[in-house]
Protein backbone atom coordinates (compact mmCIF):
# COMPACT_ATOMS: atom_id res chain seq x y z
CA UNK A 1 72.06 80.79 96.38
CA UNK A 2 72.43 77.68 94.51
CA UNK A 3 74.67 79.49 91.90
CA UNK A 4 77.34 79.92 94.41
CA UNK A 5 77.64 76.02 95.14
CA UNK A 6 78.11 75.89 91.15
CA UNK A 7 81.02 78.23 91.69
CA UNK A 8 82.42 76.25 94.45
CA UNK A 9 82.09 73.14 92.17
CA UNK A 10 83.66 75.02 89.36
CA UNK A 11 86.69 75.99 91.68
CA UNK A 12 87.27 72.21 92.38
CA UNK A 13 86.70 71.23 88.81
CA UNK A 14 89.51 73.75 87.58
CA UNK A 15 92.06 71.09 88.48
CA UNK A 16 90.37 68.31 86.70
CA UNK A 17 88.29 67.59 83.43
CA UNK A 18 85.22 69.41 84.59
CA UNK A 19 86.77 72.77 84.16
CA UNK A 20 85.30 73.10 80.39
CA UNK A 21 81.59 72.79 81.95
CA UNK A 22 82.13 75.76 83.98
CA UNK A 23 79.50 78.39 82.54
CA UNK A 24 77.23 76.02 81.13
CA UNK A 25 75.36 75.85 84.39
CA UNK A 26 74.85 79.35 85.19
CA UNK A 27 71.72 81.36 84.47
CA UNK A 28 71.82 84.32 82.44
CA UNK A 29 69.95 87.45 83.58
CA UNK A 30 68.33 89.13 80.72
CA UNK A 31 69.13 92.58 80.71
CA UNK A 32 66.65 95.34 80.01
CA UNK A 33 66.70 97.72 77.20
CA UNK A 34 67.67 101.41 77.17
CA UNK A 35 68.84 104.56 75.05
CA UNK A 36 69.13 107.43 72.44
CA UNK A 37 71.10 110.44 72.05
CA UNK A 38 74.08 109.95 74.08
CA UNK A 39 76.67 112.69 74.10
CA UNK A 40 79.44 112.89 71.53
CA UNK A 41 82.50 110.63 71.89
CA UNK A 42 85.19 112.42 73.13
CA UNK A 43 89.00 111.25 73.49
CA UNK A 44 90.73 111.27 76.62
CA UNK A 45 94.45 111.38 75.54
CA UNK A 46 96.79 114.30 75.83
CA UNK A 47 98.25 116.75 73.38
CA UNK A 48 101.44 115.36 71.72
CA UNK A 49 104.73 116.55 71.02
CA UNK A 50 105.52 120.13 71.02
CA UNK A 51 105.80 122.47 67.83
CA UNK A 52 109.33 124.05 67.62
CA UNK A 53 109.70 127.89 68.47
CA UNK A 54 109.89 130.14 65.39
CA UNK A 55 113.13 130.88 64.03
CA UNK A 56 114.26 134.71 64.28
CA UNK A 57 115.13 136.88 61.77
CA UNK A 58 118.87 137.64 60.88
CA UNK A 59 120.24 140.91 62.05
CA UNK A 60 120.57 143.74 59.59
CA UNK A 61 124.10 144.92 58.76
CA UNK A 62 124.94 148.25 60.28
CA UNK A 63 127.43 150.96 59.16
CA UNK A 64 127.94 152.40 62.59
CA UNK A 65 126.86 149.98 65.24
CA UNK A 66 123.82 149.01 63.64
CA UNK A 67 121.09 146.83 65.88
CA UNK A 68 120.51 143.54 65.02
CA UNK A 69 117.12 141.97 64.06
CA UNK A 70 114.62 141.11 66.72
CA UNK A 71 114.00 137.47 67.18
CA UNK A 72 111.24 135.41 65.41
CA UNK A 73 107.82 135.03 67.02
CA UNK A 74 106.53 131.79 68.89
CA UNK A 75 105.80 128.50 67.06
CA UNK A 76 102.06 127.84 66.45
CA UNK A 77 99.61 125.81 68.35
CA UNK A 78 100.06 122.19 67.86
CA UNK A 79 97.80 120.40 65.01
CA UNK A 80 95.59 117.49 65.23
CA UNK A 81 96.68 113.93 64.99
CA UNK A 82 95.05 110.52 64.82
CA UNK A 83 93.72 110.30 68.18
CA UNK A 84 90.25 110.15 69.46
CA UNK A 85 87.54 111.19 67.00
CA UNK A 86 85.21 114.34 67.37
CA UNK A 87 86.19 115.30 70.84
CA UNK A 88 85.57 118.99 71.10
CA UNK A 89 84.93 118.85 74.91
CA UNK A 90 87.85 119.20 77.32
CA UNK A 91 89.49 116.12 78.33
CA UNK A 92 90.66 115.67 81.87
CA UNK A 93 93.09 113.59 83.47
CA UNK A 94 95.71 113.63 80.72
CA UNK A 95 99.03 115.15 80.33
CA UNK A 96 100.00 117.89 77.77
CA UNK A 97 103.06 117.11 75.87
CA UNK A 98 106.10 119.31 76.49
CA UNK A 99 106.08 122.78 75.60
CA UNK A 100 107.95 124.01 72.46
CA UNK A 101 111.61 124.98 72.42
CA UNK A 102 112.39 128.47 72.53
CA UNK A 103 113.22 130.23 69.07
CA UNK A 104 116.65 130.45 68.39
CA UNK A 105 118.23 134.07 68.88
CA UNK A 106 119.00 136.13 65.80
CA UNK A 107 122.44 136.96 64.79
CA UNK A 108 123.71 140.37 65.72
CA UNK A 109 124.44 142.96 62.65
CA UNK A 110 128.03 143.35 61.77
CA UNK A 111 129.35 146.51 62.85
CA UNK A 112 132.16 148.66 61.77
CA UNK A 113 132.74 149.94 65.16
CA UNK A 114 131.38 147.54 67.84
CA UNK A 115 127.66 146.89 66.45
CA UNK A 116 125.17 146.17 69.20
CA UNK A 117 124.30 142.58 69.36
CA UNK A 118 121.12 141.15 68.26
CA UNK A 119 118.16 140.20 70.87
CA UNK A 120 117.67 136.71 71.40
CA UNK A 121 114.70 135.10 69.87
CA UNK A 122 111.30 134.72 71.94
CA UNK A 123 110.27 131.33 73.26
CA UNK A 124 108.44 128.68 71.20
CA UNK A 125 104.63 128.31 71.19
CA UNK A 126 102.60 125.64 72.51
CA UNK A 127 103.07 122.10 71.43
CA UNK A 128 102.31 120.70 68.22
CA UNK A 129 100.35 117.60 67.02
CA UNK A 130 101.09 113.90 67.97
CA UNK A 131 98.90 110.95 68.55
CA UNK A 132 96.44 112.64 70.96
CA UNK A 133 93.05 114.12 70.73
CA UNK A 134 91.60 115.30 67.27
CA UNK A 135 89.41 118.20 66.86
CA UNK A 136 89.87 119.29 70.48
CA UNK A 137 90.57 123.09 70.34
CA UNK A 138 89.26 123.60 73.99
CA UNK A 139 91.45 124.03 76.63
CA UNK A 140 92.16 120.87 78.67
CA UNK A 141 91.37 120.83 82.33
CA UNK A 142 93.03 119.06 85.44
CA UNK A 143 96.19 118.07 83.64
CA UNK A 144 99.73 118.82 84.05
CA UNK A 145 101.31 120.88 81.48
CA UNK A 146 104.68 119.85 80.29
CA UNK A 147 107.71 121.82 81.54
CA UNK A 148 108.05 125.38 80.28
CA UNK A 149 109.62 126.09 77.13
CA UNK A 150 113.43 127.15 77.19
CA UNK A 151 114.51 130.57 78.29
CA UNK A 152 114.96 133.10 75.55
CA UNK A 153 118.15 133.10 73.65
CA UNK A 154 121.10 134.87 75.05
CA UNK A 155 122.28 138.19 73.91
CA UNK A 156 124.60 138.04 71.19
CA UNK A 157 127.99 139.48 71.88
CA UNK A 158 129.35 142.71 70.44
CA UNK A 159 131.18 142.88 67.15
CA UNK A 160 134.90 143.17 67.25
CA UNK A 161 135.79 146.95 66.37
CA UNK A 162 137.44 147.84 63.40
CA UNK A 163 136.60 146.11 59.98
CA UNK A 164 133.31 144.98 61.02
CA UNK A 165 134.17 141.86 63.08
CA UNK A 166 131.41 139.18 63.42
CA UNK A 167 129.31 139.02 66.39
CA UNK A 168 128.58 135.61 68.25
CA UNK A 169 125.16 134.34 67.90
CA UNK A 170 122.48 134.40 70.92
CA UNK A 171 122.44 131.24 73.07
CA UNK A 172 119.60 128.48 72.10
CA UNK A 173 117.03 127.88 74.26
CA UNK A 174 116.27 125.09 76.85
CA UNK A 175 114.11 122.04 75.80
CA UNK A 176 110.66 121.77 77.14
CA UNK A 177 110.06 119.66 80.21
CA UNK A 178 108.23 116.31 80.11
CA UNK A 179 104.71 115.98 80.86
CA UNK A 180 103.36 114.57 84.08
CA UNK A 181 101.17 111.49 84.14
CA UNK A 182 98.23 110.45 86.25
CA UNK A 183 94.58 111.35 86.83
CA UNK A 184 93.61 113.74 89.26
CA UNK A 185 91.28 113.25 92.36
CA UNK A 186 87.93 114.43 93.11
CA UNK A 187 89.57 117.14 95.01
CA UNK A 188 91.87 118.27 92.42
CA UNK A 189 95.19 116.34 93.48
CA UNK A 190 96.57 112.92 93.15
CA UNK A 191 94.12 110.24 94.47
CA UNK A 192 95.18 108.67 97.69
CA UNK A 193 95.78 105.40 96.27
CA UNK A 194 98.35 106.80 93.57
CA UNK A 195 100.18 109.07 96.05
CA UNK A 196 104.02 108.02 95.59
CA UNK A 197 102.92 105.21 93.23
CA UNK A 198 104.98 104.36 90.30
CA UNK A 199 103.01 104.81 87.12
CA UNK A 200 102.63 101.23 85.73
CA UNK A 201 99.44 100.90 84.04
CA UNK A 202 98.62 99.97 80.44
CA UNK A 203 101.02 99.76 77.66
CA UNK A 204 102.06 103.45 77.94
CA UNK A 205 102.90 102.87 81.86
CA UNK A 206 100.62 105.58 82.91
CA UNK A 207 99.04 106.47 86.25
CA UNK A 208 96.90 103.65 87.60
CA UNK A 209 94.61 106.38 88.59
CA UNK A 210 94.01 107.87 85.48
CA UNK A 211 90.16 108.72 85.12
CA UNK A 212 88.49 109.42 81.96
CA UNK A 213 85.27 111.83 80.97
CA UNK A 214 82.29 109.99 80.06
CA UNK A 215 79.93 112.72 78.48
CA UNK A 216 76.40 112.10 79.63
CA UNK A 217 73.42 111.27 77.45
CA UNK A 218 70.65 108.84 77.03
CA UNK A 219 70.43 105.28 75.99
CA UNK A 220 68.53 102.03 76.53
CA UNK A 221 69.72 99.78 79.60
CA UNK A 222 70.56 96.24 78.53
CA UNK A 223 70.06 96.66 75.02
CA UNK A 224 72.66 95.76 72.24
CA UNK A 225 70.33 95.45 69.29
CA UNK A 226 71.50 91.70 68.67
CA UNK A 227 70.88 89.52 71.83
CA UNK A 228 68.95 92.18 73.74
CA UNK A 229 66.18 93.89 72.05
CA UNK A 230 63.96 95.30 74.70
CA UNK A 231 63.98 99.16 74.56
CA UNK A 232 61.48 99.28 77.45
CA UNK A 233 64.27 100.97 80.00
CA UNK A 234 65.76 104.17 78.82
CA UNK A 235 68.21 106.00 81.14
CA UNK A 236 69.73 109.36 81.27
CA UNK A 237 73.18 109.98 82.78
CA UNK A 238 74.97 113.25 83.39
CA UNK A 239 78.76 113.81 82.58
CA UNK A 240 81.00 111.67 84.98
CA UNK A 241 84.31 110.48 85.09
CA UNK A 242 84.99 106.60 85.32
CA UNK A 243 88.63 105.36 86.12
CA UNK A 244 90.43 104.00 83.06
CA UNK A 245 91.66 101.01 85.18
CA UNK A 246 90.13 98.73 87.70
CA UNK A 247 91.47 99.07 91.15
CA UNK A 248 94.93 97.35 91.27
CA UNK A 249 96.69 95.46 93.84
CA UNK A 250 99.36 98.36 94.27
CA UNK A 251 96.59 101.09 94.76
CA UNK A 252 94.84 98.77 97.26
CA UNK A 253 97.99 98.27 99.11
CA UNK A 254 98.00 101.97 99.82
CA UNK A 255 94.54 101.43 101.37
CA UNK A 256 95.77 98.54 103.50
CA UNK A 257 99.04 100.32 104.68
CA UNK A 258 96.97 103.41 105.97
CA UNK A 259 94.96 100.83 108.03
CA UNK A 260 91.64 101.58 106.04
CA UNK A 261 88.85 99.51 105.19
CA UNK A 262 88.15 97.97 108.69
CA UNK A 263 85.47 98.27 111.62
CA UNK A 264 87.84 100.88 113.28
CA UNK A 265 88.57 103.06 110.25
CA UNK A 266 85.15 103.16 108.12
CA UNK A 267 84.17 105.98 105.70
CA UNK A 268 82.66 108.88 107.34
CA UNK A 269 78.64 108.70 107.08
CA UNK A 270 77.56 110.05 103.66
CA UNK A 271 80.93 109.72 102.05
CA UNK A 272 81.12 108.35 98.47
CA UNK A 273 77.74 109.57 97.44
CA UNK A 274 77.30 110.07 93.81
CA UNK A 275 73.52 110.60 94.05
CA UNK A 276 71.49 111.91 96.96
CA UNK A 277 71.23 109.10 99.63
CA UNK A 278 73.82 106.77 98.32
CA UNK A 279 76.53 107.65 100.50
CA UNK A 280 78.09 105.46 103.25
CA UNK A 281 75.51 104.20 105.80
CA UNK A 282 77.52 103.92 109.28
CA UNK A 283 75.33 100.82 110.03
CA UNK A 284 77.42 98.90 107.36
CA UNK A 285 80.61 99.26 109.39
CA UNK A 286 80.01 95.82 110.69
CA UNK A 287 80.27 94.50 107.17
CA UNK A 288 84.16 95.46 106.96
CA UNK A 289 86.78 93.34 108.36
CA UNK A 290 87.26 93.75 112.11
CA UNK A 291 91.34 94.35 111.53
CA UNK A 292 93.82 94.79 109.04
CA UNK A 293 95.09 91.28 109.43
CA UNK A 294 91.43 90.04 108.87
CA UNK A 295 91.09 92.22 105.57
CA UNK A 296 94.23 90.74 104.10
CA UNK A 297 93.17 87.29 105.22
CA UNK A 298 89.91 88.01 103.18
CA UNK A 299 91.88 89.14 100.14
CA UNK A 300 93.42 85.64 99.91
CA UNK A 301 90.16 84.07 99.23
CA UNK A 302 91.84 81.45 96.80
CA UNK A 303 95.42 80.25 96.56
CA UNK A 304 95.14 79.63 92.77
CA UNK A 305 93.37 82.80 91.64
CA UNK A 306 94.02 85.73 94.44
CA UNK A 307 95.99 88.65 93.24
CA UNK A 308 96.83 90.08 96.59
CA UNK A 309 100.16 89.37 98.03
CA UNK A 310 101.11 90.54 101.57
CA UNK A 311 104.24 91.95 100.29
CA UNK A 312 104.62 93.88 97.06
CA UNK A 313 105.78 91.86 94.10
CA UNK A 314 104.87 91.14 90.50
CA UNK A 315 100.89 91.42 90.92
CA UNK A 316 100.78 95.12 91.93
CA UNK A 317 99.28 96.06 88.34
CA UNK A 318 96.82 93.18 88.28
CA UNK A 319 93.29 93.93 89.44
CA UNK A 320 92.57 93.42 93.18
CA UNK A 321 90.04 90.76 93.68
CA UNK A 322 88.49 88.65 96.31
CA UNK A 323 86.83 92.26 97.10
CA UNK A 324 83.30 92.35 98.69
CA UNK A 325 80.92 95.31 98.23
CA UNK A 326 81.39 97.07 101.29
CA UNK A 327 85.20 97.13 101.08
CA UNK A 328 85.20 98.25 97.60
CA UNK A 329 82.79 100.92 98.38
CA UNK A 330 84.96 102.04 101.32
CA UNK A 331 87.99 102.10 98.95
CA UNK A 332 86.64 104.43 96.49
CA UNK A 333 85.36 106.81 99.02
CA UNK A 334 88.52 106.99 100.60
CA UNK A 335 90.27 107.48 97.26
CA UNK A 336 88.23 110.50 96.48
CA UNK A 337 85.53 108.55 94.14
CA UNK A 338 82.54 106.37 94.52
CA UNK A 339 81.29 103.34 92.95
CA UNK A 340 79.46 103.75 89.63
CA UNK A 341 75.69 103.51 89.31
CA UNK A 342 74.75 100.65 87.24
CA UNK A 343 73.30 103.00 84.70
CA UNK A 344 76.74 104.56 84.42
CA UNK A 345 78.60 101.50 84.05
CA UNK A 346 76.27 100.30 81.45
CA UNK A 347 76.27 103.46 79.49
CA UNK A 348 80.06 103.52 79.44
CA UNK A 349 80.43 99.97 78.49
CA UNK A 350 77.64 100.34 75.75
CA UNK A 351 79.18 103.52 74.31
CA UNK A 352 76.25 105.52 75.31
CA UNK A 353 73.43 105.64 72.46
CA UNK A 354 75.89 103.57 70.19
CA UNK A 355 74.83 100.52 72.36
CA UNK A 356 77.74 98.42 71.76
CA UNK A 357 77.43 94.69 71.90
CA UNK A 358 81.00 94.60 73.57
CA UNK A 359 82.66 97.87 74.83
CA UNK A 360 84.98 97.65 71.80
CA UNK A 361 82.43 96.81 69.04
CA UNK A 362 82.50 99.00 65.79
CA UNK A 363 80.25 98.94 64.27
CA UNK A 364 78.25 98.65 67.63
CA UNK A 365 76.46 95.15 66.65
CA UNK A 366 79.90 93.57 65.89
CA UNK A 367 80.27 90.30 67.99
CA UNK A 368 83.83 90.09 67.30
CA UNK A 369 85.79 88.81 70.29
CA UNK A 370 89.18 87.09 70.98
CA UNK A 371 92.30 86.95 73.37
CA UNK A 372 93.39 90.40 71.85
CA UNK A 373 90.27 92.09 73.34
CA UNK A 374 89.77 90.73 76.70
CA UNK A 375 90.92 88.38 79.43
CA UNK A 376 88.25 85.72 79.50
CA UNK A 377 87.49 81.94 79.32
CA UNK A 378 90.64 81.56 81.14
CA UNK A 379 92.86 83.16 78.55
CA UNK A 380 95.55 80.52 78.73
CA UNK A 381 96.77 80.82 82.31
CA UNK A 382 93.32 81.25 83.94
CA UNK A 383 94.19 84.33 86.15
CA UNK A 384 93.71 87.74 86.14
CA UNK A 385 96.18 89.82 83.95
CA UNK A 386 97.73 93.26 84.34
CA UNK A 387 95.17 95.89 84.13
CA UNK A 388 95.09 97.32 80.51
CA UNK A 389 96.94 94.26 79.01
CA UNK A 390 94.41 94.31 76.08
CA UNK A 391 94.58 97.96 75.49
CA UNK A 392 93.69 99.72 73.23
CA UNK A 393 92.19 96.94 71.09
CA UNK A 394 89.60 95.86 73.99
CA UNK A 395 89.14 99.57 75.07
CA UNK A 396 85.54 101.12 75.36
CA UNK A 397 84.41 104.26 73.46
CA UNK A 398 85.75 106.63 76.13
CA UNK A 399 89.14 104.74 76.64
CA UNK A 400 88.26 102.64 79.73
CA UNK A 401 90.07 99.16 79.71
CA UNK A 402 88.86 95.97 80.92
CA UNK A 403 85.29 97.00 80.96
CA UNK A 404 84.45 93.23 79.77
CA UNK A 405 86.77 90.37 81.34
CA UNK A 406 89.61 90.35 84.06
CA UNK A 407 87.21 90.64 87.13
CA UNK A 408 83.60 91.41 87.50
CA UNK A 409 83.09 94.95 88.73
CA UNK A 410 80.66 96.10 91.81
CA UNK A 411 78.18 98.77 90.94
CA UNK A 412 76.25 100.90 93.50
CA UNK A 413 72.79 99.31 93.01
CA UNK A 414 71.09 96.78 94.57
CA UNK A 415 69.68 94.26 92.07
CA UNK A 416 66.24 94.57 90.90
CA UNK A 417 64.38 93.18 87.75
CA UNK A 418 62.82 94.72 86.02
CA UNK A 419 64.74 98.12 86.11
CA UNK A 420 63.10 100.87 87.84
CA UNK A 421 61.81 103.64 85.40
CA UNK A 422 62.08 106.42 84.91
CA UNK A 423 65.72 106.86 85.26
CA UNK A 424 67.51 110.26 85.32
CA UNK A 425 70.76 109.60 86.95
CA UNK A 426 69.18 106.93 89.04
CA UNK A 427 70.28 103.98 91.09
CA UNK A 428 68.28 101.30 92.85
CA UNK A 429 69.08 102.20 96.59
CA UNK A 430 65.96 99.99 97.97
CA UNK A 431 67.60 97.38 99.99
CA UNK A 432 67.32 93.81 98.48
CA UNK A 433 69.61 90.54 98.76
CA UNK A 434 72.17 91.29 96.02
CA UNK A 435 74.07 93.89 94.60
CA UNK A 436 74.90 94.29 90.83
CA UNK A 437 77.97 93.12 89.15
CA UNK A 438 78.92 93.88 85.48
CA UNK A 439 81.50 92.92 82.95
CA UNK A 440 82.33 89.40 83.34
CA UNK A 441 85.75 87.84 84.42
CA UNK A 442 88.79 85.82 83.41
CA UNK A 443 87.03 82.74 84.15
CA UNK A 444 83.90 83.53 81.98
CA UNK A 445 82.69 82.56 78.53
CA UNK A 446 82.22 85.40 76.02
CA UNK A 447 78.45 85.81 76.88
CA UNK A 448 79.13 87.25 80.09
CA UNK A 449 81.34 89.68 78.71
CA UNK A 450 78.31 91.46 76.62
CA UNK A 451 77.54 95.05 77.52
CA UNK A 452 74.07 94.53 77.89
CA UNK A 453 74.55 91.50 80.57
CA UNK A 454 73.99 92.01 84.20
CA UNK A 455 74.56 89.65 87.32
CA UNK A 456 74.21 90.06 90.98
CA UNK A 457 76.19 88.68 93.91
CA UNK A 458 75.83 88.95 97.66
CA UNK A 459 77.39 92.38 98.97
CA UNK A 460 79.57 90.41 101.38
CA UNK A 461 80.83 88.13 98.73
CA UNK A 462 84.42 88.25 98.23
CA UNK A 463 84.98 85.66 95.40
CA UNK A 464 88.21 85.67 93.34
CA UNK A 465 86.57 86.67 90.27
CA UNK A 466 85.22 90.28 91.54
CA UNK A 467 86.92 93.31 91.89
CA UNK A 468 85.77 96.91 91.17
CA UNK A 469 86.28 100.37 89.54
CA UNK A 470 85.77 103.87 90.52
CA UNK A 471 83.80 106.56 89.31
CA UNK A 472 84.16 110.44 90.22
CA UNK A 473 81.50 113.10 89.76
CA UNK A 474 83.93 115.66 88.71
CA UNK A 475 87.86 116.27 88.97
């Protein structure tokens, strides 16, 4: 296809004066409109710091061995904070903060002849507020609770007999444990790509496998109310989870080290299905690399732009690029997920029925963009940067990072124009020449980063500007 000769020409021009002309020769693919009544936005951050345990009441004085007062009750449930707005739905894949400390024990009552010591206070309540989800009283699923609150206070020592000797106070409780990080996999555990992997992604250095809920709804595909104004193609998607980060080099190394992604270790037939008929086709096996050595060679598609290194180094938190569609599919299936449909990807980037111009646009028609929002237009170094490097400024409505820029992302669908209708959890599964890619890359102009913009590529193409992100039907 002629546009690939243009890419070859541009890669040559990157070293010379023609680099500035890169995107001026590419054809935009007009998107087709879509959507209304998307689900309410919901945050995906955790409950924050814990509330302190309630203090205990002081023991009453006793004339002949008075019993001291019982310890105070637990602290209250944590309050709200300045996190995601209006998110009553339970949020997955985030860690609750540590639980509250236990209450301090009560002082034993003074006794004239060896009073009985005070009973220790009970433990503190569930954690209090922090910078987490606001208005989210529902229990949070699939998250790791912080360590338990400390033990109850120790029993106060008995008073010294005779003239009402003072008792010792009960012991204080232990502090709550720190919360765990990381998303959970489709099957409830840590995804294979993050097993034993250090949490290094985003400004908070969280698990690179964090996956966030995208509440379902209806919207217009490839519509932003500014440049794309055709509302002919509504689509409805159900709730799904979309990984917060693009697939990193470190995660992909786990895949390679286990000998996956080759013709001798393809996914099982039907694996990675999100909708009926969308799972792995055993005839696709021949499109995978023959051996692990061949796979790693493919990942080194461009000396100047590739992120893969044969040994772990400084690129582990960068998005893996030079990734063809079949290998991306195989990775997500192995990791307990799947490739998102084009409708799902567009819905997440557009903020559902907000129909955002860019994933971060607020108001939705805002066309504001810059280096603080996305990795694009070469962004100084002209290479992909660590995933989440523009977070939270460039995050989408539901918390996903780099939905615009860094690397293009494969979707499940074959490319077809116009869109198929009707669309209720749909994907274009009719074989064609190209698969859909979305989001633009570090090399592209701002126009390619618009949420409504769609492009296509040969599924076997492993260009330096293409990577992927996994979706999950449930956690």
